[in-house]
Amino acid sequence: MLRAISDAVAAIAAHPQSGLQTSAGDIRVKILGRYRYKIFYSVGKDAIEIIHVRHAARRPWTGAEG
């Protein structure tokens, strides 16, 4: 599972716009199908910020919690 998350982060770094756009507009999400994790991130001018990693079975992330 950790390898899949690491690989997904590398894919985000290589292709930052490939994640799905969320309703938040500036936040994208990469979904890891096999392990059902979601990686929420934002793309800046010079950096990509991983905001949250969450298992899909948990209640939806609102951005308000840590």
PDB file of N, CA and C in Angstrom:
ATOM      1  N   MET A   1       0.810  -1.172   0.000  1.00  0.00           N
ATOM      2  CA  MET A   1       0.000   0.000   0.000  1.00  0.00           C
ATOM      3  C   MET A   1       0.870   1.258   0.000  1.00  0.00           C
ATOM      4  N   LEU A   2       1.900   1.284   0.831  1.00  0.00           N
ATOM      5  CA  LEU A   2       2.777   2.457   0.863  1.00  0.00           C
ATOM      6  C   LEU A   2       3.464   2.671  -0.482  1.00  0.00           C
ATOM      7  N   ARG A   3       3.812   1.584  -1.133  1.00  0.00           N
ATOM      8  CA  ARG A   3       4.441   1.672  -2.460  1.00  0.00           C
ATOM      9  C   ARG A   3       3.454   2.288  -3.461  1.00  0.00           C
ATOM     10  N   ALA A   4       2.194   1.896  -3.382  1.00  0.00           N
ATOM     11  CA  ALA A   4       1.173   2.433  -4.289  1.00  0.00           C
ATOM     12  C   ALA A   4       0.977   3.929  -4.059  1.00  0.00           C
ATOM     13  N   ILE A   5       0.986   4.354  -2.804  1.00  0.00           N
ATOM     14  CA  ILE A   5       0.865   5.781  -2.499  1.00  0.00           C
ATOM     15  C   ILE A   5       2.084   6.531  -3.007  1.00  0.00           C
ATOM     16  N   SER A   6       3.268   5.980  -2.778  1.00  0.00           N
ATOM     17  CA  SER A   6       4.501   6.596  -3.255  1.00  0.00           C
ATOM     18  C   SER A   6       4.508   6.709  -4.779  1.00  0.00           C
ATOM     19  N   ASP A   7       4.084   5.663  -5.458  1.00  0.00           N
ATOM     20  CA  ASP A   7       4.015   5.684  -6.925  1.00  0.00           C
ATOM     21  C   ASP A   7       3.000   6.723  -7.415  1.00  0.00           C
ATOM     22  N   ALA A   8       1.881   6.835  -6.711  1.00  0.00           N
ATOM     23  CA  ALA A   8       0.860   7.818  -7.089  1.00  0.00           C
ATOM     24  C   ALA A   8       1.384   9.241  -6.916  1.00  0.00           C
ATOM     25  N   VAL A   9       2.127   9.488  -5.848  1.00  0.00           N
ATOM     26  CA  VAL A   9       2.718  10.813  -5.634  1.00  0.00           C
ATOM     27  C   VAL A   9       3.729  11.120  -6.739  1.00  0.00           C
ATOM     28  N   ALA A  10       4.508  10.135  -7.153  1.00  0.00           N
ATOM     29  CA  ALA A  10       5.450  10.328  -8.263  1.00  0.00           C
ATOM     30  C   ALA A  10       4.695  10.641  -9.552  1.00  0.00           C
ATOM     31  N   ALA A  11       3.565   9.974  -9.774  1.00  0.00           N
ATOM     32  CA  ALA A  11       2.751  10.247 -10.964  1.00  0.00           C
ATOM     33  C   ALA A  11       2.172  11.658 -10.918  1.00  0.00           C
ATOM     34  N   ILE A  12       1.756  12.098  -9.733  1.00  0.00           N
ATOM     35  CA  ILE A  12       1.256  13.468  -9.574  1.00  0.00           C
ATOM     36  C   ILE A  12       2.365  14.464  -9.895  1.00  0.00           C
ATOM     37  N   ALA A  13       3.570  14.189  -9.414  1.00  0.00           N
ATOM     38  CA  ALA A  13       4.700  15.082  -9.675  1.00  0.00           C
ATOM     39  C   ALA A  13       4.998  15.173 -11.171  1.00  0.00           C
ATOM     40  N   ALA A  14       4.888  14.053 -11.866  1.00  0.00           N
ATOM     41  CA  ALA A  14       5.172  14.026 -13.305  1.00  0.00           C
ATOM     42  C   ALA A  14       4.052  14.655 -14.131  1.00  0.00           C
ATOM     43  N   HIS A  15       2.810  14.500 -13.671  1.00  0.00           N
ATOM     44  CA  HIS A  15       1.639  14.992 -14.418  1.00  0.00           C
ATOM     45  C   HIS A  15       0.645  15.626 -13.442  1.00  0.00           C
ATOM     46  N   PRO A  16       0.933  16.821 -12.945  1.00  0.00           N
ATOM     47  CA  PRO A  16       0.116  17.422 -11.886  1.00  0.00           C
ATOM     48  C   PRO A  16      -1.352  17.659 -12.260  1.00  0.00           C
ATOM     49  N   GLN A  17      -1.626  17.883 -13.509  1.00  0.00           N
ATOM     50  CA  GLN A  17      -3.007  18.165 -13.910  1.00  0.00           C
ATOM     51  C   GLN A  17      -3.823  16.900 -14.163  1.00  0.00           C
ATOM     52  N   SER A  18      -3.235  15.731 -13.955  1.00  0.00           N
ATOM     53  CA  SER A  18      -3.922  14.471 -14.259  1.00  0.00           C
ATOM     54  C   SER A  18      -4.979  14.088 -13.236  1.00  0.00           C
ATOM     55  N   GLY A  19      -4.910  14.621 -12.029  1.00  0.00           N
ATOM     56  CA  GLY A  19      -5.902  14.303 -11.011  1.00  0.00           C
ATOM     57  C   GLY A  19      -7.250  14.920 -11.330  1.00  0.00           C
ATOM     58  N   LEU A  20      -8.278  14.377 -10.749  1.00  0.00           N
ATOM     59  CA  LEU A  20      -9.624  14.887 -10.962  1.00  0.00           C
ATOM     60  C   LEU A  20      -9.814  16.210 -10.232  1.00  0.00           C
ATOM     61  N   GLN A  21     -10.477  17.141 -10.864  1.00  0.00           N
ATOM     62  CA  GLN A  21     -10.798  18.425 -10.249  1.00  0.00           C
ATOM     63  C   GLN A  21     -11.877  18.199  -9.193  1.00  0.00           C
ATOM     64  N   THR A  22     -11.730  18.806  -8.025  1.00  0.00           N
ATOM     65  CA  THR A  22     -12.752  18.702  -6.984  1.00  0.00           C
ATOM     66  C   THR A  22     -13.636  19.942  -7.037  1.00  0.00           C
ATOM     67  N   SER A  23     -14.661  19.953  -6.242  1.00  0.00           N
ATOM     68  CA  SER A  23     -15.552  21.121  -6.197  1.00  0.00           C
ATOM     69  C   SER A  23     -14.852  22.336  -5.593  1.00  0.00           C
ATOM     70  N   ALA A  24     -13.722  22.110  -4.929  1.00  0.00           N
ATOM     71  CA  ALA A  24     -12.961  23.213  -4.339  1.00  0.00           C
ATOM     72  C   ALA A  24     -12.205  24.007  -5.400  1.00  0.00           C
ATOM     73  N   GLY A  25     -12.135  23.495  -6.625  1.00  0.00           N
ATOM     74  CA  GLY A  25     -11.511  24.228  -7.726  1.00  0.00           C
ATOM     75  C   GLY A  25     -10.010  24.130  -7.772  1.00  0.00           C
ATOM     76  N   ASP A  26      -9.325  24.560  -6.714  1.00  0.00           N
ATOM     77  CA  ASP A  26      -7.867  24.536  -6.713  1.00  0.00           C
ATOM     78  C   ASP A  26      -7.305  23.233  -6.146  1.00  0.00           C
ATOM     79  N   ILE A  27      -8.171  22.333  -5.736  1.00  0.00           N
ATOM     80  CA  ILE A  27      -7.737  21.048  -5.192  1.00  0.00           C
ATOM     81  C   ILE A  27      -8.102  19.930  -6.162  1.00  0.00           C
ATOM     82  N   ARG A  28      -7.137  19.056  -6.400  1.00  0.00           N
ATOM     83  CA  ARG A  28      -7.337  17.893  -7.259  1.00  0.00           C
ATOM     84  C   ARG A  28      -7.246  16.630  -6.409  1.00  0.00           C
ATOM     85  N   VAL A  29      -7.714  15.518  -6.961  1.00  0.00           N
ATOM     86  CA  VAL A  29      -7.657  14.259  -6.226  1.00  0.00           C
ATOM     87  C   VAL A  29      -7.185  13.146  -7.161  1.00  0.00           C
ATOM     88  N   LYS A  30      -6.272  12.350  -6.666  1.00  0.00           N
ATOM     89  CA  LYS A  30      -5.787  11.156  -7.359  1.00  0.00           C
ATOM     90  C   LYS A  30      -6.334   9.967  -6.585  1.00  0.00           C
ATOM     91  N   ILE A  31      -7.017   9.054  -7.294  1.00  0.00           N
ATOM     92  CA  ILE A  31      -7.647   7.913  -6.640  1.00  0.00           C
ATOM     93  C   ILE A  31      -6.827   6.659  -6.900  1.00  0.00           C
ATOM     94  N   LEU A  32      -6.489   5.955  -5.829  1.00  0.00           N
ATOM     95  CA  LEU A  32      -5.775   4.684  -5.929  1.00  0.00           C
ATOM     96  C   LEU A  32      -6.815   3.577  -5.840  1.00  0.00           C
ATOM     97  N   GLY A  33      -7.230   3.053  -6.958  1.00  0.00           N
ATOM     98  CA  GLY A  33      -8.325   2.098  -7.030  1.00  0.00           C
ATOM     99  C   GLY A  33      -8.144   0.856  -6.191  1.00  0.00           C
ATOM    100  N   ARG A  34      -7.010   0.209  -6.293  1.00  0.00           N
ATOM    101  CA  ARG A  34      -6.813  -1.072  -5.599  1.00  0.00           C
ATOM    102  C   ARG A  34      -6.937  -0.939  -4.085  1.00  0.00           C
ATOM    103  N   TYR A  35      -6.346   0.110  -3.536  1.00  0.00           N
ATOM    104  CA  TYR A  35      -6.335   0.270  -2.079  1.00  0.00           C
ATOM    105  C   TYR A  35      -7.396   1.241  -1.581  1.00  0.00           C
ATOM    106  N   ARG A  36      -8.120   1.867  -2.512  1.00  0.00           N
ATOM    107  CA  ARG A  36      -9.213   2.769  -2.195  1.00  0.00           C
ATOM    108  C   ARG A  36      -8.784   3.981  -1.383  1.00  0.00           C
ATOM    109  N   TYR A  37      -7.601   4.500  -1.678  1.00  0.00           N
ATOM    110  CA  TYR A  37      -7.155   5.731  -1.057  1.00  0.00           C
ATOM    111  C   TYR A  37      -7.312   6.870  -2.033  1.00  0.00           C
ATOM    112  N   LYS A  38      -7.483   8.078  -1.486  1.00  0.00           N
ATOM    113  CA  LYS A  38      -7.555   9.289  -2.291  1.00  0.00           C
ATOM    114  C   LYS A  38      -6.469  10.239  -1.797  1.00  0.00           C
ATOM    115  N   ILE A  39      -5.742  10.814  -2.739  1.00  0.00           N
ATOM    116  CA  ILE A  39      -4.708  11.789  -2.406  1.00  0.00           C
ATOM    117  C   ILE A  39      -5.201  13.142  -2.901  1.00  0.00           C
ATOM    118  N   PHE A  40      -5.437  14.059  -1.980  1.00  0.00           N
ATOM    119  CA  PHE A  40      -5.888  15.402  -2.313  1.00  0.00           C
ATOM    120  C   PHE A  40      -4.655  16.301  -2.384  1.00  0.00           C
ATOM    121  N   TYR A  41      -4.562  17.105  -3.428  1.00  0.00           N
ATOM    122  CA  TYR A  41      -3.389  17.955  -3.598  1.00  0.00           C
ATOM    123  C   TYR A  41      -3.741  19.221  -4.360  1.00  0.00           C
ATOM    124  N   SER A  42      -2.869  20.207  -4.250  1.00  0.00           N
ATOM    125  CA  SER A  42      -3.023  21.432  -5.026  1.00  0.00           C
ATOM    126  C   SER A  42      -1.736  21.675  -5.808  1.00  0.00           C
ATOM    127  N   VAL A  43      -1.896  22.319  -6.941  1.00  0.00           N
ATOM    128  CA  VAL A  43      -0.771  22.603  -7.829  1.00  0.00           C
ATOM    129  C   VAL A  43      -0.478  24.092  -7.756  1.00  0.00           C
ATOM    130  N   GLY A  44       0.723  24.420  -7.303  1.00  0.00           N
ATOM    131  CA  GLY A  44       1.154  25.809  -7.266  1.00  0.00           C
ATOM    132  C   GLY A  44       2.078  26.103  -8.427  1.00  0.00           C
ATOM    133  N   LYS A  45       2.576  27.310  -8.474  1.00  0.00           N
ATOM    134  CA  LYS A  45       3.477  27.712  -9.551  1.00  0.00           C
ATOM    135  C   LYS A  45       4.776  26.908  -9.533  1.00  0.00           C
ATOM    136  N   ASP A  46       5.334  26.712  -8.344  1.00  0.00           N
ATOM    137  CA  ASP A  46       6.626  26.040  -8.223  1.00  0.00           C
ATOM    138  C   ASP A  46       6.591  24.766  -7.385  1.00  0.00           C
ATOM    139  N   ALA A  47       5.404  24.366  -6.928  1.00  0.00           N
ATOM    140  CA  ALA A  47       5.334  23.202  -6.044  1.00  0.00           C
ATOM    141  C   ALA A  47       3.956  22.543  -6.110  1.00  0.00           C
ATOM    142  N   ILE A  48       3.938  21.305  -5.710  1.00  0.00           N
ATOM    143  CA  ILE A  48       2.692  20.560  -5.550  1.00  0.00           C
ATOM    144  C   ILE A  48       2.580  20.255  -4.061  1.00  0.00           C
ATOM    145  N   GLU A  49       1.447  20.588  -3.480  1.00  0.00           N
ATOM    146  CA  GLU A  49       1.246  20.355  -2.050  1.00  0.00           C
ATOM    147  C   GLU A  49       0.256  19.205  -1.857  1.00  0.00           C
ATOM    148  N   ILE A  50       0.702  18.160  -1.183  1.00  0.00           N
ATOM    149  CA  ILE A  50      -0.182  17.065  -0.799  1.00  0.00           C
ATOM    150  C   ILE A  50      -0.932  17.558   0.428  1.00  0.00           C
ATOM    151  N   ILE A  51      -2.235  17.656   0.313  1.00  0.00           N
ATOM    152  CA  ILE A  51      -3.050  18.225   1.376  1.00  0.00           C
ATOM    153  C   ILE A  51      -3.561  17.152   2.328  1.00  0.00           C
ATOM    154  N   HIS A  52      -3.962  16.007   1.756  1.00  0.00           N
ATOM    155  CA  HIS A  52      -4.607  14.999   2.589  1.00  0.00           C
ATOM    156  C   HIS A  52      -4.582  13.651   1.876  1.00  0.00           C
ATOM    157  N   VAL A  53      -4.369  12.585   2.619  1.00  0.00           N
ATOM    158  CA  VAL A  53      -4.483  11.216   2.100  1.00  0.00           C
ATOM    159  C   VAL A  53      -5.552  10.539   2.941  1.00  0.00           C
ATOM    160  N   ARG A  54      -6.551   9.974   2.274  1.00  0.00           N
ATOM    161  CA  ARG A  54      -7.720   9.460   2.996  1.00  0.00           C
ATOM    162  C   ARG A  54      -8.232   8.173   2.361  1.00  0.00           C
ATOM    163  N   HIS A  55      -8.628   7.209   3.176  1.00  0.00           N
ATOM    164  CA  HIS A  55      -9.237   5.987   2.661  1.00  0.00           C
ATOM    165  C   HIS A  55     -10.666   6.299   2.230  1.00  0.00           C
ATOM    166  N   ALA A  56     -11.075   5.770   1.097  1.00  0.00           N
ATOM    167  CA  ALA A  56     -12.388   6.068   0.520  1.00  0.00           C
ATOM    168  C   ALA A  56     -13.548   5.571   1.375  1.00  0.00           C
ATOM    169  N   ALA A  57     -13.319   4.621   2.272  1.00  0.00           N
ATOM    170  CA  ALA A  57     -14.395   4.112   3.118  1.00  0.00           C
ATOM    171  C   ALA A  57     -14.765   5.092   4.233  1.00  0.00           C
ATOM    172  N   ARG A  58     -13.906   6.050   4.494  1.00  0.00           N
ATOM    173  CA  ARG A  58     -14.214   7.049   5.524  1.00  0.00           C
ATOM    174  C   ARG A  58     -15.198   8.060   4.968  1.00  0.00           C
ATOM    175  N   ARG A  59     -15.853   8.787   5.837  1.00  0.00           N
ATOM    176  CA  ARG A  59     -16.792   9.798   5.360  1.00  0.00           C
ATOM    177  C   ARG A  59     -16.044  10.810   4.503  1.00  0.00           C
ATOM    178  N   PRO A  60     -16.728  11.471   3.585  1.00  0.00           N
ATOM    179  CA  PRO A  60     -16.057  12.393   2.654  1.00  0.00           C
ATOM    180  C   PRO A  60     -15.297  13.498   3.389  1.00  0.00           C
ATOM    181  N   TRP A  61     -14.164  13.863   2.814  1.00  0.00           N
ATOM    182  CA  TRP A  61     -13.330  14.925   3.384  1.00  0.00           C
ATOM    183  C   TRP A  61     -13.906  16.278   3.017  1.00  0.00           C
ATOM    184  N   THR A  62     -14.032  17.165   3.975  1.00  0.00           N
ATOM    185  CA  THR A  62     -14.589  18.495   3.722  1.00  0.00           C
ATOM    186  C   THR A  62     -13.503  19.561   3.639  1.00  0.00           C
ATOM    187  N   GLY A  63     -12.291  19.198   3.994  1.00  0.00           N
ATOM    188  CA  GLY A  63     -11.215  20.168   3.998  1.00  0.00           C
ATOM    189  C   GLY A  63     -11.082  20.876   5.334  1.00  0.00           C
ATOM    190  N   ALA A  64     -12.072  20.725   6.205  1.00  0.00           N
ATOM    191  CA  ALA A  64     -12.068  21.409   7.496  1.00  0.00           C
ATOM    192  C   ALA A  64     -11.291  20.643   8.563  1.00  0.00           C
ATOM    193  N   GLU A  65     -11.221  19.340   8.409  1.00  0.00           N
ATOM    194  CA  GLU A  65     -10.531  18.547   9.421  1.00  0.00           C
ATOM    195  C   GLU A  65      -9.071  18.348   9.049  1.00  0.00           C
ATOM    196  N   GLY A  66      -8.253  17.944  10.011  1.00  0.00           N
ATOM    197  CA  GLY A  66      -6.823  17.782   9.769  1.00  0.00           C
ATOM    198  C   GLY A  66      -6.386  16.444   9.359  1.00  0.00           C
TER     199      GLY A  66
END
